[in-house]
Amino acid sequence: MRKYYYSALTLFFAAFNCQAELTEAQMDADCAKIADYAKKGDQYYKAKDYPKAREAFEEQAAWLEQCELGKDKPNDVLVATAYNNVALTWIRQGEYRKAQAWLSIMPDDEKSKYNLSRIQDKLQALPKQASAAGEYWQYAGRSEWEVLTLKPQGKESWQADWSGLYFGIMGLYSGPNMGDFSEKVTLKNGKGDIVLRDEGISQCTISLNLTADFNRLEMKTDDPMNCGFGHNVSADGTYLRVN
């Protein structure tokens, strides 16, 4: 995954400048590299260098999203193929939950259905989860994920660390808007609330709801605009366990 360290003000000016300065020729040149990413990924994949293959396929997926965005008829088949390429590298490394996460981005695609069916027995054979401890992903776009990590701190107390992203129209050029929190949460029967505060004043409450098997969770915010995250960044959604 890429690392981003931009301030909100930096992102504002970056987004403004990239839209003002980028030319159609430059963007066409960047989009023309997609085939090269796919080719490079295929070469690494055949050489069984799955981490490098994954890096190339993630670039393929990210740039396909960027370049197909805004078209009257975006090529969903190409985008889904890129997601499946990444998933296959995880499958080869025995990381079936991470593969499942990628295949769940476009679950109605025929390739996604096929590859997901191939790993169902592997997923079912994984050890049953005894607690909520683990890492959970939700897709943010451009081959990046919003990540929640839960670590036990006591009988019902957990450390919840979350990082989120939002990509605008020119996301790969300007970078994403970001948000994060690191808070304690009490979970009872898989449910709990995280209250974000600024100088002791409550800003927003994020409710967590885990499934009984601890394989996925839902997060829902009462007032997302008051959480203090970057523009359009939200913790809301469905997250899949990946470890």
C-alpha atoms as a PDB file:
ATOM      1  CA  MET A   1       0.000   0.000   0.000  1.00  0.00           C
ATOM      2  CA  ARG A   2       1.143   3.542  -0.707  1.00  0.00           C
ATOM      3  CA  LYS A   3       1.992   5.831   2.192  1.00  0.00           C
ATOM      4  CA  TYR A   4       0.483   9.338   2.270  1.00  0.00           C
ATOM      5  CA  TYR A   5       1.545  12.122   4.623  1.00  0.00           C
ATOM      6  CA  TYR A   6      -0.358  15.183   3.406  1.00  0.00           C
ATOM      7  CA  SER A   7      -2.003  17.875   5.500  1.00  0.00           C
ATOM      8  CA  ALA A   8      -5.560  18.917   4.663  1.00  0.00           C
ATOM      9  CA  LEU A   9      -4.305  22.277   3.331  1.00  0.00           C
ATOM     10  CA  THR A  10      -1.676  20.570   1.200  1.00  0.00           C
ATOM     11  CA  LEU A  11      -4.303  18.268  -0.268  1.00  0.00           C
ATOM     12  CA  PHE A  12      -6.577  21.205  -1.085  1.00  0.00           C
ATOM     13  CA  PHE A  13      -3.896  23.023  -3.047  1.00  0.00           C
ATOM     14  CA  ALA A  14      -2.613  19.806  -4.623  1.00  0.00           C
ATOM     15  CA  ALA A  15      -6.085  18.966  -5.904  1.00  0.00           C
ATOM     16  CA  PHE A  16      -6.548  22.513  -7.220  1.00  0.00           C
ATOM     17  CA  ASN A  17      -3.125  22.629  -8.869  1.00  0.00           C
ATOM     18  CA  CYS A  18      -3.292  19.192 -10.459  1.00  0.00           C
ATOM     19  CA  GLN A  19      -6.624  19.993 -12.069  1.00  0.00           C
ATOM     20  CA  ALA A  20      -5.259  23.302 -13.286  1.00  0.00           C
ATOM     21  CA  GLU A  21      -1.909  22.064 -14.562  1.00  0.00           C
ATOM     22  CA  LEU A  22      -2.481  18.527 -15.821  1.00  0.00           C
ATOM     23  CA  THR A  23      -2.893  18.268 -19.550  1.00  0.00           C
ATOM     24  CA  GLU A  24      -4.912  15.700 -21.419  1.00  0.00           C
ATOM     25  CA  ALA A  25      -1.703  14.451 -23.014  1.00  0.00           C
ATOM     26  CA  GLN A  26      -0.131  13.831 -19.613  1.00  0.00           C
ATOM     27  CA  MET A  27      -3.144  11.903 -18.382  1.00  0.00           C
ATOM     28  CA  ASP A  28      -3.289   9.903 -21.622  1.00  0.00           C
ATOM     29  CA  ALA A  29       0.380   9.013 -21.132  1.00  0.00           C
ATOM     30  CA  ASP A  30      -0.278   7.822 -17.581  1.00  0.00           C
ATOM     31  CA  CYS A  31      -3.268   5.773 -18.682  1.00  0.00           C
ATOM     32  CA  ALA A  32      -1.182   4.209 -21.447  1.00  0.00           C
ATOM     33  CA  LYS A  33       1.041   2.638 -18.759  1.00  0.00           C
ATOM     34  CA  ILE A  34      -1.760   0.377 -17.555  1.00  0.00           C
ATOM     35  CA  ALA A  35      -0.867  -2.345 -20.053  1.00  0.00           C
ATOM     36  CA  ASP A  36       2.747  -2.184 -18.856  1.00  0.00           C
ATOM     37  CA  TYR A  37       1.661  -2.706 -15.236  1.00  0.00           C
ATOM     38  CA  ALA A  38      -0.410  -5.718 -16.302  1.00  0.00           C
ATOM     39  CA  LYS A  39       2.469  -7.169 -18.310  1.00  0.00           C
ATOM     40  CA  LYS A  40       4.962  -6.651 -15.504  1.00  0.00           C
ATOM     41  CA  GLY A  41       2.565  -8.224 -13.002  1.00  0.00           C
ATOM     42  CA  ASP A  42       2.098 -11.235 -15.248  1.00  0.00           C
ATOM     43  CA  GLN A  43       5.861 -11.668 -15.587  1.00  0.00           C
ATOM     44  CA  TYR A  44       6.403 -11.586 -11.832  1.00  0.00           C
ATOM     45  CA  TYR A  45       3.430 -13.881 -11.288  1.00  0.00           C
ATOM     46  CA  LYS A  46       4.809 -16.502 -13.677  1.00  0.00           C
ATOM     47  CA  ALA A  47       8.174 -16.188 -11.911  1.00  0.00           C
ATOM     48  CA  LYS A  48       6.325 -16.857  -8.606  1.00  0.00           C
ATOM     49  CA  ASP A  49       7.397 -13.501  -7.190  1.00  0.00           C
ATOM     50  CA  TYR A  50       3.939 -12.788  -5.838  1.00  0.00           C
ATOM     51  CA  PRO A  51       4.670  -9.642  -3.768  1.00  0.00           C
ATOM     52  CA  LYS A  52       6.145  -7.861  -6.817  1.00  0.00           C
ATOM     53  CA  ALA A  53       3.343  -9.171  -9.013  1.00  0.00           C
ATOM     54  CA  ARG A  54       0.850  -7.759  -6.535  1.00  0.00           C
ATOM     55  CA  GLU A  55       2.493  -4.323  -6.579  1.00  0.00           C
ATOM     56  CA  ALA A  56       2.186  -4.204 -10.358  1.00  0.00           C
ATOM     57  CA  PHE A  57      -1.404  -5.448 -10.374  1.00  0.00           C
ATOM     58  CA  GLU A  58      -2.339  -2.905  -7.690  1.00  0.00           C
ATOM     59  CA  GLU A  59      -0.976  -0.166  -9.959  1.00  0.00           C
ATOM     60  CA  GLN A  60      -2.979  -1.666 -12.802  1.00  0.00           C
ATOM     61  CA  ALA A  61      -6.166  -1.560 -10.724  1.00  0.00           C
ATOM     62  CA  ALA A  62      -5.551   1.936  -9.352  1.00  0.00           C
ATOM     63  CA  TRP A  63      -4.881   3.479 -12.755  1.00  0.00           C
ATOM     64  CA  LEU A  64      -7.788   1.657 -14.367  1.00  0.00           C
ATOM     65  CA  GLU A  65     -10.060   3.252 -11.771  1.00  0.00           C
ATOM     66  CA  GLN A  66      -8.474   6.654 -12.366  1.00  0.00           C
ATOM     67  CA  CYS A  67      -8.647   6.435 -16.141  1.00  0.00           C
ATOM     68  CA  GLU A  68     -12.087   4.848 -16.431  1.00  0.00           C
ATOM     69  CA  LEU A  69     -13.616   7.321 -13.975  1.00  0.00           C
ATOM     70  CA  GLY A  70     -15.948   9.756 -15.651  1.00  0.00           C
ATOM     71  CA  LYS A  71     -16.423   7.754 -18.843  1.00  0.00           C
ATOM     72  CA  ASP A  72     -19.968   7.295 -20.072  1.00  0.00           C
ATOM     73  CA  LYS A  73     -19.386   3.552 -20.167  1.00  0.00           C
ATOM     74  CA  PRO A  74     -16.474   2.622 -17.873  1.00  0.00           C
ATOM     75  CA  ASN A  75     -14.987  -0.791 -18.587  1.00  0.00           C
ATOM     76  CA  ASP A  76     -15.935  -2.661 -15.431  1.00  0.00           C
ATOM     77  CA  VAL A  77     -14.624  -5.922 -16.861  1.00  0.00           C
ATOM     78  CA  LEU A  78     -11.082  -4.544 -17.068  1.00  0.00           C
ATOM     79  CA  VAL A  79     -11.252  -3.156 -13.551  1.00  0.00           C
ATOM     80  CA  ALA A  80     -12.601  -6.437 -12.153  1.00  0.00           C
ATOM     81  CA  THR A  81      -9.836  -8.348 -13.928  1.00  0.00           C
ATOM     82  CA  ALA A  82      -7.242  -6.206 -12.171  1.00  0.00           C
ATOM     83  CA  TYR A  83      -8.878  -6.874  -8.790  1.00  0.00           C
ATOM     84  CA  ASN A  84      -8.820 -10.592  -9.548  1.00  0.00           C
ATOM     85  CA  ASN A  85      -5.154 -10.395 -10.523  1.00  0.00           C
ATOM     86  CA  VAL A  86      -4.328  -8.981  -7.090  1.00  0.00           C
ATOM     87  CA  ALA A  87      -6.511 -11.600  -5.396  1.00  0.00           C
ATOM     88  CA  LEU A  88      -4.681 -14.406  -7.184  1.00  0.00           C
ATOM     89  CA  THR A  89      -1.336 -13.268  -5.731  1.00  0.00           C
ATOM     90  CA  TRP A  90      -2.824 -13.508  -2.241  1.00  0.00           C
ATOM     91  CA  ILE A  91      -4.265 -16.944  -3.020  1.00  0.00           C
ATOM     92  CA  ARG A  92      -0.850 -18.172  -4.114  1.00  0.00           C
ATOM     93  CA  GLN A  93       0.537 -17.056  -0.757  1.00  0.00           C
ATOM     94  CA  GLY A  94      -2.239 -18.715   1.212  1.00  0.00           C
ATOM     95  CA  GLU A  95      -3.766 -15.385   2.326  1.00  0.00           C
ATOM     96  CA  TYR A  96      -7.330 -16.379   1.563  1.00  0.00           C
ATOM     97  CA  ARG A  97      -9.051 -13.679   3.611  1.00  0.00           C
ATOM     98  CA  LYS A  98      -7.127 -10.930   1.830  1.00  0.00           C
ATOM     99  CA  ALA A  99      -7.981 -12.561  -1.480  1.00  0.00           C
ATOM    100  CA  GLN A 100     -11.635 -12.633  -0.417  1.00  0.00           C
ATOM    101  CA  ALA A 101     -11.501  -8.902   0.329  1.00  0.00           C
ATOM    102  CA  TRP A 102     -10.285  -8.112  -3.182  1.00  0.00           C
ATOM    103  CA  LEU A 103     -12.817 -10.456  -4.793  1.00  0.00           C
ATOM    104  CA  SER A 104     -15.589  -8.785  -2.794  1.00  0.00           C
ATOM    105  CA  ILE A 105     -15.007  -5.371  -4.392  1.00  0.00           C
ATOM    106  CA  MET A 106     -16.946  -6.417  -7.507  1.00  0.00           C
ATOM    107  CA  PRO A 107     -18.648  -9.616  -6.312  1.00  0.00           C
ATOM    108  CA  ASP A 108     -21.045  -9.862  -9.266  1.00  0.00           C
ATOM    109  CA  ASP A 109     -18.243 -10.119 -11.812  1.00  0.00           C
ATOM    110  CA  GLU A 110     -18.021 -13.639 -13.241  1.00  0.00           C
ATOM    111  CA  LYS A 111     -14.265 -13.933 -12.563  1.00  0.00           C
ATOM    112  CA  SER A 112     -14.784 -12.799  -8.988  1.00  0.00           C
ATOM    113  CA  LYS A 113     -17.531 -15.378  -8.489  1.00  0.00           C
ATOM    114  CA  TYR A 114     -15.349 -18.126  -9.949  1.00  0.00           C
ATOM    115  CA  ASN A 115     -12.235 -17.317  -7.939  1.00  0.00           C
ATOM    116  CA  LEU A 116     -14.240 -16.863  -4.746  1.00  0.00           C
ATOM    117  CA  SER A 117     -15.823 -20.290  -5.279  1.00  0.00           C
ATOM    118  CA  ARG A 118     -12.316 -21.771  -5.622  1.00  0.00           C
ATOM    119  CA  ILE A 119     -11.293 -20.633  -2.137  1.00  0.00           C
ATOM    120  CA  GLN A 120     -14.499 -21.298  -0.214  1.00  0.00           C
ATOM    121  CA  ASP A 121     -13.168 -24.577   1.151  1.00  0.00           C
ATOM    122  CA  LYS A 122      -9.917 -22.844   2.164  1.00  0.00           C
ATOM    123  CA  LEU A 123     -11.822 -20.111   3.980  1.00  0.00           C
ATOM    124  CA  GLN A 124     -14.028 -22.621   5.764  1.00  0.00           C
ATOM    125  CA  ALA A 125     -10.965 -24.628   6.830  1.00  0.00           C
ATOM    126  CA  LEU A 126      -9.351 -21.632   8.552  1.00  0.00           C
ATOM    127  CA  PRO A 127      -9.305 -21.753  12.373  1.00  0.00           C
ATOM    128  CA  LYS A 128     -12.451 -20.338  13.971  1.00  0.00           C
ATOM    129  CA  GLN A 129     -11.959 -16.924  15.540  1.00  0.00           C
ATOM    130  CA  ALA A 130     -12.081 -16.910  19.320  1.00  0.00           C
ATOM    131  CA  SER A 131     -12.293 -13.130  19.681  1.00  0.00           C
ATOM    132  CA  ALA A 132     -12.564  -9.833  17.820  1.00  0.00           C
ATOM    133  CA  ALA A 133      -8.768  -9.342  17.801  1.00  0.00           C
ATOM    134  CA  GLY A 134      -7.541  -8.789  14.264  1.00  0.00           C
ATOM    135  CA  GLU A 135      -7.325  -6.533  11.244  1.00  0.00           C
ATOM    136  CA  TYR A 136     -10.361  -5.551   9.158  1.00  0.00           C
ATOM    137  CA  TRP A 137     -10.435  -3.966   5.689  1.00  0.00           C
ATOM    138  CA  GLN A 138     -12.899  -1.870   3.710  1.00  0.00           C
ATOM    139  CA  TYR A 139     -12.033  -0.833   0.162  1.00  0.00           C
ATOM    140  CA  ALA A 140     -11.287   2.874  -0.261  1.00  0.00           C
ATOM    141  CA  GLY A 141     -10.448   2.883  -3.981  1.00  0.00           C
ATOM    142  CA  ARG A 142      -7.219   3.199  -5.960  1.00  0.00           C
ATOM    143  CA  SER A 143      -5.959  -0.118  -4.536  1.00  0.00           C
ATOM    144  CA  GLU A 144      -6.054   1.254  -0.975  1.00  0.00           C
ATOM    145  CA  TRP A 145      -7.986   0.094   2.077  1.00  0.00           C
ATOM    146  CA  GLU A 146      -9.486   1.609   5.171  1.00  0.00           C
ATOM    147  CA  VAL A 147      -8.098  -0.445   8.050  1.00  0.00           C
ATOM    148  CA  LEU A 148      -9.381  -1.118  11.556  1.00  0.00           C
ATOM    149  CA  THR A 149      -7.217  -3.047  14.018  1.00  0.00           C
ATOM    150  CA  LEU A 150      -8.603  -4.376  17.298  1.00  0.00           C
ATOM    151  CA  LYS A 151      -6.250  -5.421  20.105  1.00  0.00           C
ATOM    152  CA  PRO A 152      -7.367  -6.797  23.503  1.00  0.00           C
ATOM    153  CA  GLN A 153      -6.779  -4.559  26.527  1.00  0.00           C
ATOM    154  CA  GLY A 154      -8.799  -6.447  29.127  1.00  0.00           C
ATOM    155  CA  LYS A 155     -11.897  -8.591  29.523  1.00  0.00           C
ATOM    156  CA  GLU A 156     -14.168  -6.402  27.385  1.00  0.00           C
ATOM    157  CA  SER A 157     -11.789  -3.530  26.606  1.00  0.00           C
ATOM    158  CA  TRP A 158     -10.155  -3.164  23.210  1.00  0.00           C
ATOM    159  CA  GLN A 159      -7.731  -0.815  21.514  1.00  0.00           C
ATOM    160  CA  ALA A 160      -9.252   0.315  18.212  1.00  0.00           C
ATOM    161  CA  ASP A 161      -6.916   1.859  15.625  1.00  0.00           C
ATOM    162  CA  TRP A 162      -8.440   3.064  12.373  1.00  0.00           C
ATOM    163  CA  SER A 163      -7.108   4.835   9.293  1.00  0.00           C
ATOM    164  CA  GLY A 164      -9.369   5.966   6.452  1.00  0.00           C
ATOM    165  CA  LEU A 165      -9.061   7.485   2.998  1.00  0.00           C
ATOM    166  CA  TYR A 166     -11.179   9.251   0.427  1.00  0.00           C
ATOM    167  CA  PHE A 167     -10.049   9.682  -3.172  1.00  0.00           C
ATOM    168  CA  GLY A 168     -11.479  12.521  -5.219  1.00  0.00           C
ATOM    169  CA  ILE A 169     -11.769  12.623  -8.998  1.00  0.00           C
ATOM    170  CA  MET A 170      -8.028  13.298  -9.406  1.00  0.00           C
ATOM    171  CA  GLY A 171      -7.125  10.998  -6.533  1.00  0.00           C
ATOM    172  CA  LEU A 172      -3.936   9.492  -7.916  1.00  0.00           C
ATOM    173  CA  TYR A 173      -2.561  12.944  -8.669  1.00  0.00           C
ATOM    174  CA  SER A 174      -3.607  14.875  -5.578  1.00  0.00           C
ATOM    175  CA  GLY A 175      -3.533  12.010  -3.087  1.00  0.00           C
ATOM    176  CA  PRO A 176      -6.408  11.086  -0.760  1.00  0.00           C
ATOM    177  CA  ASN A 177      -8.093  12.953   2.056  1.00  0.00           C
ATOM    178  CA  MET A 178      -7.370  11.106   5.286  1.00  0.00           C
ATOM    179  CA  GLY A 179      -8.599  10.465   8.793  1.00  0.00           C
ATOM    180  CA  ASP A 180      -7.703   8.260  11.744  1.00  0.00           C
ATOM    181  CA  PHE A 181      -8.389   7.513  15.362  1.00  0.00           C
ATOM    182  CA  SER A 182      -6.817   5.480  18.158  1.00  0.00           C
ATOM    183  CA  GLU A 183      -9.299   4.878  20.964  1.00  0.00           C
ATOM    184  CA  LYS A 184     -10.396   2.414  23.611  1.00  0.00           C
ATOM    185  CA  VAL A 185     -13.725   0.673  23.107  1.00  0.00           C
ATOM    186  CA  THR A 186     -15.783  -1.655  25.283  1.00  0.00           C
ATOM    187  CA  LEU A 187     -17.337  -4.524  23.332  1.00  0.00           C
ATOM    188  CA  LYS A 188     -20.269  -6.465  24.731  1.00  0.00           C
ATOM    189  CA  ASN A 189     -21.771  -9.211  22.567  1.00  0.00           C
ATOM    190  CA  GLY A 190     -19.775  -7.814  19.652  1.00  0.00           C
ATOM    191  CA  LYS A 191     -21.162  -4.295  20.002  1.00  0.00           C
ATOM    192  CA  GLY A 192     -19.631  -1.068  21.268  1.00  0.00           C
ATOM    193  CA  ASP A 193     -19.321   2.681  20.733  1.00  0.00           C
ATOM    194  CA  ILE A 194     -16.233   4.776  20.079  1.00  0.00           C
ATOM    195  CA  VAL A 195     -16.657   8.392  21.143  1.00  0.00           C
ATOM    196  CA  LEU A 196     -14.268  10.846  19.515  1.00  0.00           C
ATOM    197  CA  ARG A 197     -13.624  13.971  21.593  1.00  0.00           C
ATOM    198  CA  ASP A 198     -11.782  17.233  21.129  1.00  0.00           C
ATOM    199  CA  GLU A 199     -10.598  18.775  24.411  1.00  0.00           C
ATOM    200  CA  GLY A 200     -13.105  16.648  26.275  1.00  0.00           C
ATOM    201  CA  ILE A 201     -16.069  17.652  24.107  1.00  0.00           C
ATOM    202  CA  SER A 202     -17.814  14.844  22.239  1.00  0.00           C
ATOM    203  CA  GLN A 203     -17.522  15.194  18.465  1.00  0.00           C
ATOM    204  CA  CYS A 204     -19.064  12.017  17.096  1.00  0.00           C
ATOM    205  CA  THR A 205     -19.909   8.451  18.077  1.00  0.00           C
ATOM    206  CA  ILE A 206     -18.926   5.498  15.907  1.00  0.00           C
ATOM    207  CA  SER A 207     -20.838   2.277  16.622  1.00  0.00           C
ATOM    208  CA  LEU A 208     -19.192  -1.105  16.019  1.00  0.00           C
ATOM    209  CA  ASN A 209     -21.165  -4.284  15.392  1.00  0.00           C
ATOM    210  CA  LEU A 210     -19.295  -7.558  14.837  1.00  0.00           C
ATOM    211  CA  THR A 211     -20.791 -10.748  13.473  1.00  0.00           C
ATOM    212  CA  ALA A 212     -20.899 -13.746  15.805  1.00  0.00           C
ATOM    213  CA  ASP A 213     -18.016 -15.431  13.956  1.00  0.00           C
ATOM    214  CA  PHE A 214     -15.868 -12.249  14.184  1.00  0.00           C
ATOM    215  CA  ASN A 215     -15.240 -12.330  10.420  1.00  0.00           C
ATOM    216  CA  ARG A 216     -16.794  -8.969   9.579  1.00  0.00           C
ATOM    217  CA  LEU A 217     -17.987  -5.826  11.270  1.00  0.00           C
ATOM    218  CA  GLU A 218     -20.122  -2.804  10.563  1.00  0.00           C
ATOM    219  CA  MET A 219     -19.271   0.733  11.595  1.00  0.00           C
ATOM    220  CA  LYS A 220     -21.862   3.504  11.683  1.00  0.00           C
ATOM    221  CA  THR A 221     -21.318   7.133  12.689  1.00  0.00           C
ATOM    222  CA  ASP A 222     -24.006   9.318  14.214  1.00  0.00           C
ATOM    223  CA  ASP A 223     -22.564  12.574  12.821  1.00  0.00           C
ATOM    224  CA  PRO A 224     -19.699  11.966  10.338  1.00  0.00           C
ATOM    225  CA  MET A 225     -19.153  15.671   9.650  1.00  0.00           C
ATOM    226  CA  ASN A 226     -18.067  16.215  13.262  1.00  0.00           C
ATOM    227  CA  CYS A 227     -15.459  13.456  13.487  1.00  0.00           C
ATOM    228  CA  GLY A 228     -12.637  15.755  12.408  1.00  0.00           C
ATOM    229  CA  PHE A 229     -11.554  13.611   9.454  1.00  0.00           C
ATOM    230  CA  GLY A 230     -10.588  14.902   6.020  1.00  0.00           C
ATOM    231  CA  HIS A 231     -13.295  15.916   3.549  1.00  0.00           C
ATOM    232  CA  ASN A 232     -15.635  12.984   2.750  1.00  0.00           C
ATOM    233  CA  VAL A 233     -13.601  10.584   4.905  1.00  0.00           C
ATOM    234  CA  SER A 234     -15.877   8.290   6.899  1.00  0.00           C
ATOM    235  CA  ALA A 235     -15.424   5.158   8.985  1.00  0.00           C
ATOM    236  CA  ASP A 236     -18.879   3.883   7.980  1.00  0.00           C
ATOM    237  CA  GLY A 237     -19.290   0.621   6.133  1.00  0.00           C
ATOM    238  CA  THR A 238     -18.649  -3.124   6.162  1.00  0.00           C
ATOM    239  CA  TYR A 239     -15.172  -4.372   7.018  1.00  0.00           C
ATOM    240  CA  LEU A 240     -13.825  -7.877   6.396  1.00  0.00           C
ATOM    241  CA  ARG A 241     -11.344  -9.622   8.671  1.00  0.00           C
ATOM    242  CA  VAL A 242      -8.127 -10.280   6.764  1.00  0.00           C
ATOM    243  CA  ASN A 243      -5.945 -12.073   9.289  1.00  0.00           C
END
